[in-house]
Amino acid sequence: MTDPQATHNRPGVLHAISVDVEDWYQSTIDASAPLADTFERNTMRVLEAFAAHGVRGTFFVLGLAAEKAPQVVKRIADAGHEVQSHGYGHRSNFDASEEAVRQDLLRNKALLEDLAGREVYGYRSPCFSVDGRNMWVLDVLAETGHRYDSSIFPVKKARYGIAGYPPEPRIVATPRGHRIVEAPVACFEWLGRRLPVGGGGHFRLWPYWVIRKAWRQIEAAGRPGVVYLHPYEYDPSQMHRYRGQVSLKMRLHQGIGRKGFRRKVDRLLSEFRFGPIKEALADLLKALPK
C-alpha cells in the first residue's frame, strides 16, 4: 500500500484522475437496457484501489446508476471524492436536441446534488459527444450551472474528437459568449503524431513504459493530464458473461487489456501526483467570471 502522505507530498504537476460510473452493456450496447448489478461492485473496487494510494478523484456519475444504487454515490462522496455529472441516460449528444440536453443535465444535476449533498458543476458527456458539430452543448452547460467540461477528445476518432484541439485544460469561450473550463483527456506526441493516453482502449493496449513516457512528457510541459476510466475495466472476466449476447469481435475489442489495467493505473498513481479535477484545475476555475 502506498503511504497516502507520501503520495500527497510528491513533487510535480497535480494531474487528474476521473471515473465514468456506468454499466458496460447499457452504455455500450443498448441504452434502453437495465443496468447490471456488477457496476456497483466494480465501483467499490475502484474506491478501494484509490484508497490504497491515498488518492481522491472525480467520479462522473450516470443518473441511471445513481438511481439504481444511490448508496454508491453516497459512498463516493463520503470518501472525499468529487461527484460530477455524466448525464442521466448515457445517450449521445450528437443525436439530441438542445432542449433534450438541457433537461438531461438539469435532471442529473438535481439528482446527484440531492444524493451527494454538494454542488454539481462538472460534466463529461457520454461517448465524448461534444465536438465541432455541437459546440452549443458548452452553452447549455454554462446556462445550467456547470463550470467545467471534460468532453472534448483532443484527437480525431471515427465517432468523436477534434483534430488538433489544444491538449491543455483552459478557459474557452462558448458560441453564445459564456466562459467555461474545458479539460480534455490526456494525449502526447510520439513519432510526429498526437496519440491518446488518457484511458480507454488506448490505455489498456499501451505497455506501461509508453504510458510513463507520455506522462513524463505531459509533466515536462507543465500541464495537468486527465485520466478517465470505467469501473468495468476493473472486471477482467466480464466479457465472458456476455457470450451469446455480444459478438466475439466486440468482446475482444472491449475486453483486451483488462487483465493488466488495474496494475497500470496503480503504477501511474504511485509515480505521479493525482487528484480530482476540481483541484488540478483550481486556478482556472477561480479565474472564471462570477
C-alpha atoms as a PDB file:
ATOM      1  CA  MET A   1       0.000   0.000   0.000  1.00  0.00           C
ATOM      2  CA  THR A   2       1.224   3.482  -0.871  1.00  0.00           C
ATOM      3  CA  ASP A   3       1.687   5.891   2.000  1.00  0.00           C
ATOM      4  CA  PRO A   4      -1.083   8.492   1.462  1.00  0.00           C
ATOM      5  CA  GLN A   5       1.024  11.291   2.955  1.00  0.00           C
ATOM      6  CA  ALA A   6       3.942  10.443   0.698  1.00  0.00           C
ATOM      7  CA  THR A   7       1.625  10.486  -2.306  1.00  0.00           C
ATOM      8  CA  HIS A   8       0.183  13.869  -1.313  1.00  0.00           C
ATOM      9  CA  ASN A   9       3.619  15.406  -0.845  1.00  0.00           C
ATOM     10  CA  ARG A  10       5.198  14.040  -4.049  1.00  0.00           C
ATOM     11  CA  PRO A  11       6.574  16.931  -6.161  1.00  0.00           C
ATOM     12  CA  GLY A  12       5.374  17.590  -9.684  1.00  0.00           C
ATOM     13  CA  VAL A  13       2.232  18.657 -11.511  1.00  0.00           C
ATOM     14  CA  LEU A  14      -1.073  17.631  -9.965  1.00  0.00           C
ATOM     15  CA  HIS A  15      -2.836  15.531 -12.593  1.00  0.00           C
ATOM     16  CA  ALA A  16      -6.495  14.497 -12.535  1.00  0.00           C
ATOM     17  CA  ILE A  17      -7.961  11.006 -12.316  1.00  0.00           C
ATOM     18  CA  SER A  18     -11.609  10.501 -13.202  1.00  0.00           C
ATOM     19  CA  VAL A  19     -14.109   7.652 -13.304  1.00  0.00           C
ATOM     20  CA  ASP A  20     -17.184   7.379 -15.529  1.00  0.00           C
ATOM     21  CA  VAL A  21     -19.642   5.499 -13.308  1.00  0.00           C
ATOM     22  CA  GLU A  22     -21.799   3.453 -15.672  1.00  0.00           C
ATOM     23  CA  ASP A  23     -22.658  -0.103 -16.701  1.00  0.00           C
ATOM     24  CA  TRP A  24     -20.850  -1.541 -19.728  1.00  0.00           C
ATOM     25  CA  TYR A  25     -23.758  -3.233 -21.526  1.00  0.00           C
ATOM     26  CA  GLN A  26     -26.195  -0.332 -21.058  1.00  0.00           C
ATOM     27  CA  SER A  27     -23.670   2.323 -22.050  1.00  0.00           C
ATOM     28  CA  THR A  28     -22.043   0.456 -24.942  1.00  0.00           C
ATOM     29  CA  ILE A  29     -24.598  -1.942 -26.421  1.00  0.00           C
ATOM     30  CA  ASP A  30     -28.159  -0.949 -25.536  1.00  0.00           C
ATOM     31  CA  ALA A  31     -29.024   2.408 -23.940  1.00  0.00           C
ATOM     32  CA  SER A  32     -32.531   1.127 -23.154  1.00  0.00           C
ATOM     33  CA  ALA A  33     -31.271  -1.888 -21.184  1.00  0.00           C
ATOM     34  CA  PRO A  34     -31.398  -2.004 -17.389  1.00  0.00           C
ATOM     35  CA  LEU A  35     -28.095  -1.607 -15.574  1.00  0.00           C
ATOM     36  CA  ALA A  36     -26.450  -4.789 -14.363  1.00  0.00           C
ATOM     37  CA  ASP A  37     -25.690  -5.097 -10.664  1.00  0.00           C
ATOM     38  CA  THR A  38     -21.984  -5.554 -11.370  1.00  0.00           C
ATOM     39  CA  PHE A  39     -21.328  -1.824 -11.817  1.00  0.00           C
ATOM     40  CA  GLU A  40     -21.809  -1.307  -8.079  1.00  0.00           C
ATOM     41  CA  ARG A  41     -19.296  -3.992  -7.122  1.00  0.00           C
ATOM     42  CA  ASN A  42     -16.786  -2.726  -9.671  1.00  0.00           C
ATOM     43  CA  THR A  43     -17.127   0.857  -8.433  1.00  0.00           C
ATOM     44  CA  MET A  44     -16.286  -0.398  -4.950  1.00  0.00           C
ATOM     45  CA  ARG A  45     -13.116  -1.936  -6.412  1.00  0.00           C
ATOM     46  CA  VAL A  46     -12.104   1.442  -7.801  1.00  0.00           C
ATOM     47  CA  LEU A  47     -12.764   3.132  -4.453  1.00  0.00           C
ATOM     48  CA  GLU A  48     -10.626   0.520  -2.690  1.00  0.00           C
ATOM     49  CA  ALA A  49      -7.791   0.965  -5.192  1.00  0.00           C
ATOM     50  CA  PHE A  50      -7.819   4.744  -4.824  1.00  0.00           C
ATOM     51  CA  ALA A  51      -7.904   4.449  -1.047  1.00  0.00           C
ATOM     52  CA  ALA A  52      -4.838   2.199  -1.136  1.00  0.00           C
ATOM     53  CA  HIS A  53      -2.942   5.049  -2.805  1.00  0.00           C
ATOM     54  CA  GLY A  54      -4.433   7.816  -0.701  1.00  0.00           C
ATOM     55  CA  VAL A  55      -5.813   9.368  -3.898  1.00  0.00           C
ATOM     56  CA  ARG A  56      -9.088  11.224  -4.378  1.00  0.00           C
ATOM     57  CA  GLY A  57     -10.586  11.537  -7.854  1.00  0.00           C
ATOM     58  CA  THR A  58     -13.554  12.803  -9.818  1.00  0.00           C
ATOM     59  CA  PHE A  59     -16.488  10.450 -10.356  1.00  0.00           C
ATOM     60  CA  PHE A  60     -18.739  11.383 -13.282  1.00  0.00           C
ATOM     61  CA  VAL A  61     -21.894   9.538 -12.292  1.00  0.00           C
ATOM     62  CA  LEU A  62     -24.606   8.474 -14.717  1.00  0.00           C
ATOM     63  CA  GLY A  63     -28.095   9.317 -13.488  1.00  0.00           C
ATOM     64  CA  LEU A  64     -29.372   5.783 -14.126  1.00  0.00           C
ATOM     65  CA  ALA A  65     -26.522   4.441 -11.984  1.00  0.00           C
ATOM     66  CA  ALA A  66     -27.331   6.904  -9.193  1.00  0.00           C
ATOM     67  CA  GLU A  67     -30.985   5.900  -9.214  1.00  0.00           C
ATOM     68  CA  LYS A  68     -30.217   2.174  -9.198  1.00  0.00           C
ATOM     69  CA  ALA A  69     -27.626   2.394  -6.415  1.00  0.00           C
ATOM     70  CA  PRO A  70     -27.858   5.708  -4.521  1.00  0.00           C
ATOM     71  CA  GLN A  71     -25.659   4.251  -1.817  1.00  0.00           C
ATOM     72  CA  VAL A  72     -22.792   4.199  -4.335  1.00  0.00           C
ATOM     73  CA  VAL A  73     -22.993   7.978  -4.791  1.00  0.00           C
ATOM     74  CA  LYS A  74     -23.026   8.437  -1.039  1.00  0.00           C
ATOM     75  CA  ARG A  75     -20.001   6.157  -0.630  1.00  0.00           C
ATOM     76  CA  ILE A  76     -18.109   8.136  -3.265  1.00  0.00           C
ATOM     77  CA  ALA A  77     -18.937  11.443  -1.595  1.00  0.00           C
ATOM     78  CA  ASP A  78     -18.235  10.167   1.925  1.00  0.00           C
ATOM     79  CA  ALA A  79     -14.769   9.024   0.789  1.00  0.00           C
ATOM     80  CA  GLY A  80     -13.956  12.618  -0.187  1.00  0.00           C
ATOM     81  CA  HIS A  81     -14.127  12.209  -3.950  1.00  0.00           C
ATOM     82  CA  GLU A  82     -15.612  14.775  -6.317  1.00  0.00           C
ATOM     83  CA  VAL A  83     -19.089  13.835  -7.615  1.00  0.00           C
ATOM     84  CA  GLN A  84     -19.940  15.283 -11.017  1.00  0.00           C
ATOM     85  CA  SER A  85     -22.314  14.530 -13.894  1.00  0.00           C
ATOM     86  CA  HIS A  86     -22.107  12.013 -16.735  1.00  0.00           C
ATOM     87  CA  GLY A  87     -25.606  12.902 -17.890  1.00  0.00           C
ATOM     88  CA  TYR A  88     -28.704  10.968 -16.975  1.00  0.00           C
ATOM     89  CA  GLY A  89     -29.164   8.195 -19.529  1.00  0.00           C
ATOM     90  CA  HIS A  90     -25.880   7.718 -21.428  1.00  0.00           C
ATOM     91  CA  ARG A  91     -27.236   8.856 -24.785  1.00  0.00           C
ATOM     92  CA  SER A  92     -25.076  10.678 -27.297  1.00  0.00           C
ATOM     93  CA  ASN A  93     -25.419  14.431 -27.518  1.00  0.00           C
ATOM     94  CA  PHE A  94     -24.890  14.182 -31.280  1.00  0.00           C
ATOM     95  CA  ASP A  95     -28.423  12.798 -31.625  1.00  0.00           C
ATOM     96  CA  ALA A  96     -30.115  15.133 -29.144  1.00  0.00           C
ATOM     97  CA  SER A  97     -31.859  18.478 -29.377  1.00  0.00           C
ATOM     98  CA  GLU A  98     -30.720  21.414 -27.286  1.00  0.00           C
ATOM     99  CA  GLU A  99     -33.786  21.161 -25.069  1.00  0.00           C
ATOM    100  CA  ALA A 100     -33.250  17.415 -24.536  1.00  0.00           C
ATOM    101  CA  VAL A 101     -29.647  18.041 -23.453  1.00  0.00           C
ATOM    102  CA  ARG A 102     -30.779  20.825 -21.125  1.00  0.00           C
ATOM    103  CA  GLN A 103     -33.368  18.631 -19.414  1.00  0.00           C
ATOM    104  CA  ASP A 104     -30.907  15.720 -19.155  1.00  0.00           C
ATOM    105  CA  LEU A 105     -28.339  17.963 -17.462  1.00  0.00           C
ATOM    106  CA  LEU A 106     -30.815  19.522 -15.050  1.00  0.00           C
ATOM    107  CA  ARG A 107     -32.299  16.160 -14.111  1.00  0.00           C
ATOM    108  CA  ASN A 108     -28.954  14.595 -13.290  1.00  0.00           C
ATOM    109  CA  LYS A 109     -27.602  17.678 -11.542  1.00  0.00           C
ATOM    110  CA  ALA A 110     -30.587  17.754  -9.163  1.00  0.00           C
ATOM    111  CA  LEU A 111     -30.372  14.008  -8.528  1.00  0.00           C
ATOM    112  CA  LEU A 112     -26.658  13.977  -7.741  1.00  0.00           C
ATOM    113  CA  GLU A 113     -26.777  17.106  -5.601  1.00  0.00           C
ATOM    114  CA  ASP A 114     -29.521  15.533  -3.505  1.00  0.00           C
ATOM    115  CA  LEU A 115     -27.527  12.326  -3.003  1.00  0.00           C
ATOM    116  CA  ALA A 116     -24.044  13.810  -2.560  1.00  0.00           C
ATOM    117  CA  GLY A 117     -25.104  16.881  -0.601  1.00  0.00           C
ATOM    118  CA  ARG A 118     -22.868  19.206  -2.590  1.00  0.00           C
ATOM    119  CA  GLU A 119     -22.983  21.267  -5.774  1.00  0.00           C
ATOM    120  CA  VAL A 120     -22.523  19.506  -9.120  1.00  0.00           C
ATOM    121  CA  TYR A 121     -20.819  21.754 -11.663  1.00  0.00           C
ATOM    122  CA  GLY A 122     -18.654  19.460 -13.834  1.00  0.00           C
ATOM    123  CA  TYR A 123     -19.663  17.258 -16.747  1.00  0.00           C
ATOM    124  CA  ARG A 124     -18.387  14.595 -19.101  1.00  0.00           C
ATOM    125  CA  SER A 125     -20.672  13.722 -21.983  1.00  0.00           C
ATOM    126  CA  PRO A 126     -21.455  10.109 -22.883  1.00  0.00           C
ATOM    127  CA  CYS A 127     -19.068   8.871 -25.586  1.00  0.00           C
ATOM    128  CA  PHE A 128     -17.221  12.226 -25.663  1.00  0.00           C
ATOM    129  CA  SER A 129     -20.128  13.520 -27.738  1.00  0.00           C
ATOM    130  CA  VAL A 130     -19.101  17.166 -27.949  1.00  0.00           C
ATOM    131  CA  ASP A 131     -17.121  18.288 -30.994  1.00  0.00           C
ATOM    132  CA  GLY A 132     -17.368  20.754 -33.856  1.00  0.00           C
ATOM    133  CA  ARG A 133     -20.880  19.566 -34.685  1.00  0.00           C
ATOM    134  CA  ASN A 134     -22.471  20.641 -31.402  1.00  0.00           C
ATOM    135  CA  MET A 135     -20.360  23.155 -29.500  1.00  0.00           C
ATOM    136  CA  TRP A 136     -23.669  24.646 -28.338  1.00  0.00           C
ATOM    137  CA  VAL A 137     -23.573  21.951 -25.627  1.00  0.00           C
ATOM    138  CA  LEU A 138     -20.999  24.136 -23.843  1.00  0.00           C
ATOM    139  CA  ASP A 139     -23.538  26.978 -23.794  1.00  0.00           C
ATOM    140  CA  VAL A 140     -26.179  24.701 -22.296  1.00  0.00           C
ATOM    141  CA  LEU A 141     -23.673  23.576 -19.673  1.00  0.00           C
ATOM    142  CA  ALA A 142     -22.884  27.150 -18.678  1.00  0.00           C
ATOM    143  CA  GLU A 143     -26.571  28.053 -18.619  1.00  0.00           C
ATOM    144  CA  THR A 144     -27.390  25.126 -16.306  1.00  0.00           C
ATOM    145  CA  GLY A 145     -24.752  25.983 -13.697  1.00  0.00           C
ATOM    146  CA  HIS A 146     -21.831  23.861 -14.918  1.00  0.00           C
ATOM    147  CA  ARG A 147     -18.396  25.473 -14.746  1.00  0.00           C
ATOM    148  CA  TYR A 148     -16.225  22.826 -16.364  1.00  0.00           C
ATOM    149  CA  ASP A 149     -16.472  20.177 -19.048  1.00  0.00           C
ATOM    150  CA  SER A 150     -14.294  17.176 -19.894  1.00  0.00           C
ATOM    151  CA  SER A 151     -15.989  16.003 -23.094  1.00  0.00           C
ATOM    152  CA  ILE A 152     -13.824  17.159 -25.998  1.00  0.00           C
ATOM    153  CA  PHE A 153     -11.422  14.450 -27.157  1.00  0.00           C
ATOM    154  CA  PRO A 154      -8.270  16.183 -28.478  1.00  0.00           C
ATOM    155  CA  VAL A 155      -7.613  13.522 -31.137  1.00  0.00           C
ATOM    156  CA  LYS A 156      -9.929  12.862 -34.083  1.00  0.00           C
ATOM    157  CA  LYS A 157     -11.537   9.435 -33.863  1.00  0.00           C
ATOM    158  CA  ALA A 158     -14.161   7.767 -36.047  1.00  0.00           C
ATOM    159  CA  ARG A 159     -17.110   8.778 -33.843  1.00  0.00           C
ATOM    160  CA  TYR A 160     -15.843  11.825 -31.945  1.00  0.00           C
ATOM    161  CA  GLY A 161     -12.912  14.126 -31.281  1.00  0.00           C
ATOM    162  CA  ILE A 162     -11.393  17.271 -32.747  1.00  0.00           C
ATOM    163  CA  ALA A 163      -8.078  17.056 -34.599  1.00  0.00           C
ATOM    164  CA  GLY A 164      -5.504  19.484 -33.236  1.00  0.00           C
ATOM    165  CA  TYR A 165      -7.633  20.634 -30.300  1.00  0.00           C
ATOM    166  CA  PRO A 166      -5.432  22.269 -27.619  1.00  0.00           C
ATOM    167  CA  PRO A 167      -4.347  19.499 -25.228  1.00  0.00           C
ATOM    168  CA  GLU A 168      -4.056  21.652 -22.113  1.00  0.00           C
ATOM    169  CA  PRO A 169      -7.016  22.467 -19.835  1.00  0.00           C
ATOM    170  CA  ARG A 170      -8.097  26.065 -20.432  1.00  0.00           C
ATOM    171  CA  ILE A 171     -10.950  28.534 -20.253  1.00  0.00           C
ATOM    172  CA  VAL A 172     -12.900  28.587 -23.522  1.00  0.00           C
ATOM    173  CA  ALA A 173     -15.497  30.982 -24.895  1.00  0.00           C
ATOM    174  CA  THR A 174     -18.739  29.292 -25.942  1.00  0.00           C
ATOM    175  CA  PRO A 175     -20.647  30.158 -29.137  1.00  0.00           C
ATOM    176  CA  ARG A 176     -23.057  32.367 -27.154  1.00  0.00           C
ATOM    177  CA  GLY A 177     -20.331  34.145 -25.205  1.00  0.00           C
ATOM    178  CA  HIS A 178     -20.198  32.178 -21.947  1.00  0.00           C
ATOM    179  CA  ARG A 179     -16.898  31.051 -20.458  1.00  0.00           C
ATOM    180  CA  ILE A 180     -16.259  27.534 -19.197  1.00  0.00           C
ATOM    181  CA  VAL A 181     -13.202  25.422 -18.344  1.00  0.00           C
ATOM    182  CA  GLU A 182     -12.512  22.602 -20.806  1.00  0.00           C
ATOM    183  CA  ALA A 183     -10.409  19.670 -19.581  1.00  0.00           C
ATOM    184  CA  PRO A 184      -9.503  17.314 -22.477  1.00  0.00           C
ATOM    185  CA  VAL A 185      -8.284  13.819 -21.645  1.00  0.00           C
ATOM    186  CA  ALA A 186      -4.538  13.273 -21.882  1.00  0.00           C
ATOM    187  CA  CYS A 187      -2.632  12.867 -25.130  1.00  0.00           C
ATOM    188  CA  PHE A 188       1.045  13.048 -26.088  1.00  0.00           C
ATOM    189  CA  GLU A 189       3.271  13.465 -29.121  1.00  0.00           C
ATOM    190  CA  TRP A 190       5.212  10.496 -30.462  1.00  0.00           C
ATOM    191  CA  LEU A 191       6.855   9.915 -33.820  1.00  0.00           C
ATOM    192  CA  GLY A 192       5.267  13.045 -35.184  1.00  0.00           C
ATOM    193  CA  ARG A 193       1.743  12.091 -34.195  1.00  0.00           C
ATOM    194  CA  ARG A 194      -0.614  13.061 -31.399  1.00  0.00           C
ATOM    195  CA  LEU A 195      -1.789   9.941 -29.594  1.00  0.00           C
ATOM    196  CA  PRO A 196      -4.336   9.406 -26.792  1.00  0.00           C
ATOM    197  CA  VAL A 197      -3.049   8.096 -23.485  1.00  0.00           C
ATOM    198  CA  GLY A 198      -5.775   9.156 -21.052  1.00  0.00           C
ATOM    199  CA  GLY A 199      -7.803   5.969 -20.841  1.00  0.00           C
ATOM    200  CA  GLY A 200      -9.995   3.509 -22.677  1.00  0.00           C
ATOM    201  CA  GLY A 201      -8.617   1.021 -25.181  1.00  0.00           C
ATOM    202  CA  HIS A 202      -5.519   3.136 -25.719  1.00  0.00           C
ATOM    203  CA  PHE A 203      -4.539   2.867 -22.075  1.00  0.00           C
ATOM    204  CA  ARG A 204      -5.315  -0.863 -21.996  1.00  0.00           C
ATOM    205  CA  LEU A 205      -3.159  -1.537 -25.057  1.00  0.00           C
ATOM    206  CA  TRP A 206      -0.119   0.649 -24.354  1.00  0.00           C
ATOM    207  CA  PRO A 207       2.687  -1.097 -22.446  1.00  0.00           C
ATOM    208  CA  TYR A 208       3.382   0.740 -19.216  1.00  0.00           C
ATOM    209  CA  TRP A 209       6.733   2.118 -20.398  1.00  0.00           C
ATOM    210  CA  VAL A 210       4.855   4.061 -23.092  1.00  0.00           C
ATOM    211  CA  ILE A 211       2.363   5.385 -20.545  1.00  0.00           C
ATOM    212  CA  ARG A 212       5.209   6.516 -18.286  1.00  0.00           C
ATOM    213  CA  LYS A 213       6.966   8.160 -21.252  1.00  0.00           C
ATOM    214  CA  ALA A 214       3.744  10.005 -22.131  1.00  0.00           C
ATOM    215  CA  TRP A 215       3.167  11.214 -18.583  1.00  0.00           C
ATOM    216  CA  ARG A 216       6.718  12.446 -18.256  1.00  0.00           C
ATOM    217  CA  GLN A 217       6.209  14.430 -21.457  1.00  0.00           C
ATOM    218  CA  ILE A 218       2.923  15.885 -20.153  1.00  0.00           C
ATOM    219  CA  GLU A 219       4.550  16.793 -16.853  1.00  0.00           C
ATOM    220  CA  ALA A 220       7.560  18.380 -18.573  1.00  0.00           C
ATOM    221  CA  ALA A 221       5.127  20.598 -20.479  1.00  0.00           C
ATOM    222  CA  GLY A 222       3.774  21.776 -17.109  1.00  0.00           C
ATOM    223  CA  ARG A 223       0.175  20.862 -17.843  1.00  0.00           C
ATOM    224  CA  PRO A 224      -2.121  18.586 -15.844  1.00  0.00           C
ATOM    225  CA  GLY A 225      -3.149  15.413 -17.653  1.00  0.00           C
ATOM    226  CA  VAL A 226      -6.623  13.922 -17.271  1.00  0.00           C
ATOM    227  CA  VAL A 227      -7.110  10.159 -16.981  1.00  0.00           C
ATOM    228  CA  TYR A 228     -10.520   8.542 -17.407  1.00  0.00           C
ATOM    229  CA  LEU A 229     -11.506   5.006 -16.546  1.00  0.00           C
ATOM    230  CA  HIS A 230     -14.616   2.904 -16.009  1.00  0.00           C
ATOM    231  CA  PRO A 231     -15.436   0.579 -13.114  1.00  0.00           C
ATOM    232  CA  TYR A 232     -15.994  -2.319 -15.524  1.00  0.00           C
ATOM    233  CA  GLU A 233     -12.323  -2.111 -16.556  1.00  0.00           C
ATOM    234  CA  TYR A 234     -11.579  -3.465 -13.075  1.00  0.00           C
ATOM    235  CA  ASP A 235     -13.532  -6.627 -14.018  1.00  0.00           C
ATOM    236  CA  PRO A 236     -11.369  -8.634 -16.480  1.00  0.00           C
ATOM    237  CA  SER A 237     -13.803 -11.585 -16.580  1.00  0.00           C
ATOM    238  CA  GLN A 238     -16.855  -9.521 -17.534  1.00  0.00           C
ATOM    239  CA  MET A 239     -16.772 -10.212 -21.278  1.00  0.00           C
ATOM    240  CA  HIS A 240     -17.109 -13.949 -20.682  1.00  0.00           C
ATOM    241  CA  ARG A 241     -20.542 -13.354 -19.179  1.00  0.00           C
ATOM    242  CA  TYR A 242     -21.822 -11.891 -22.460  1.00  0.00           C
ATOM    243  CA  ARG A 243     -21.168 -14.932 -24.658  1.00  0.00           C
ATOM    244  CA  GLY A 244     -24.198 -15.444 -26.853  1.00  0.00           C
ATOM    245  CA  GLN A 245     -25.322 -11.831 -26.353  1.00  0.00           C
ATOM    246  CA  VAL A 246     -22.413  -9.896 -27.835  1.00  0.00           C
ATOM    247  CA  SER A 247     -20.231 -10.762 -30.827  1.00  0.00           C
ATOM    248  CA  LEU A 248     -16.773 -12.202 -30.347  1.00  0.00           C
ATOM    249  CA  LYS A 249     -15.302  -9.170 -32.133  1.00  0.00           C
ATOM    250  CA  MET A 250     -16.966  -6.800 -29.665  1.00  0.00           C
ATOM    251  CA  ARG A 251     -15.925  -8.898 -26.664  1.00  0.00           C
ATOM    252  CA  LEU A 252     -12.313  -8.886 -27.837  1.00  0.00           C
ATOM    253  CA  HIS A 253     -12.353  -5.163 -28.596  1.00  0.00           C
ATOM    254  CA  GLN A 254     -13.831  -4.254 -25.223  1.00  0.00           C
ATOM    255  CA  GLY A 255     -12.037  -6.878 -23.158  1.00  0.00           C
ATOM    256  CA  ILE A 256      -8.482  -6.761 -24.431  1.00  0.00           C
ATOM    257  CA  GLY A 257      -6.011  -5.386 -21.918  1.00  0.00           C
ATOM    258  CA  ARG A 258      -8.355  -5.503 -18.935  1.00  0.00           C
ATOM    259  CA  LYS A 259      -6.296  -8.105 -17.100  1.00  0.00           C
ATOM    260  CA  GLY A 260      -3.417  -5.687 -16.610  1.00  0.00           C
ATOM    261  CA  PHE A 261      -5.465  -2.486 -16.479  1.00  0.00           C
ATOM    262  CA  ARG A 262      -5.563  -2.085 -12.712  1.00  0.00           C
ATOM    263  CA  ARG A 263      -1.817  -2.695 -12.391  1.00  0.00           C
ATOM    264  CA  LYS A 264      -1.130   0.103 -14.892  1.00  0.00           C
ATOM    265  CA  VAL A 265      -3.357   2.533 -13.001  1.00  0.00           C
ATOM    266  CA  ASP A 266      -1.713   1.525  -9.715  1.00  0.00           C
ATOM    267  CA  ARG A 267       1.744   2.213 -11.152  1.00  0.00           C
ATOM    268  CA  LEU A 268       0.672   5.563 -12.554  1.00  0.00           C
ATOM    269  CA  LEU A 269      -0.795   6.609  -9.203  1.00  0.00           C
ATOM    270  CA  SER A 270       2.420   5.549  -7.493  1.00  0.00           C
ATOM    271  CA  GLU A 271       4.737   7.502  -9.800  1.00  0.00           C
ATOM    272  CA  PHE A 272       2.805  10.741 -10.392  1.00  0.00           C
ATOM    273  CA  ARG A 273       0.568  13.058  -8.381  1.00  0.00           C
ATOM    274  CA  PHE A 274      -3.158  12.686  -8.960  1.00  0.00           C
ATOM    275  CA  GLY A 275      -6.274  14.265  -7.518  1.00  0.00           C
ATOM    276  CA  PRO A 276      -9.780  15.357  -8.500  1.00  0.00           C
ATOM    277  CA  ILE A 277     -10.311  17.641 -11.484  1.00  0.00           C
ATOM    278  CA  LYS A 278     -11.538  20.488  -9.272  1.00  0.00           C
ATOM    279  CA  GLU A 279      -8.128  20.565  -7.554  1.00  0.00           C
ATOM    280  CA  ALA A 280      -5.991  20.039 -10.656  1.00  0.00           C
ATOM    281  CA  LEU A 281      -7.823  22.922 -12.372  1.00  0.00           C
ATOM    282  CA  ALA A 282      -8.421  25.087  -9.295  1.00  0.00           C
ATOM    283  CA  ASP A 283      -6.679  28.159 -10.719  1.00  0.00           C
ATOM    284  CA  LEU A 284      -8.700  28.034 -13.933  1.00  0.00           C
ATOM    285  CA  LEU A 285     -11.962  27.594 -12.059  1.00  0.00           C
ATOM    286  CA  LYS A 286     -11.149  30.574  -9.823  1.00  0.00           C
ATOM    287  CA  ALA A 287     -10.499  32.698 -12.902  1.00  0.00           C
ATOM    288  CA  LEU A 288     -13.991  32.155 -14.320  1.00  0.00           C
ATOM    289  CA  PRO A 289     -16.286  35.191 -14.108  1.00  0.00           C
ATOM    290  CA  LYS A 290     -18.694  35.025 -11.198  1.00  0.00           C
END
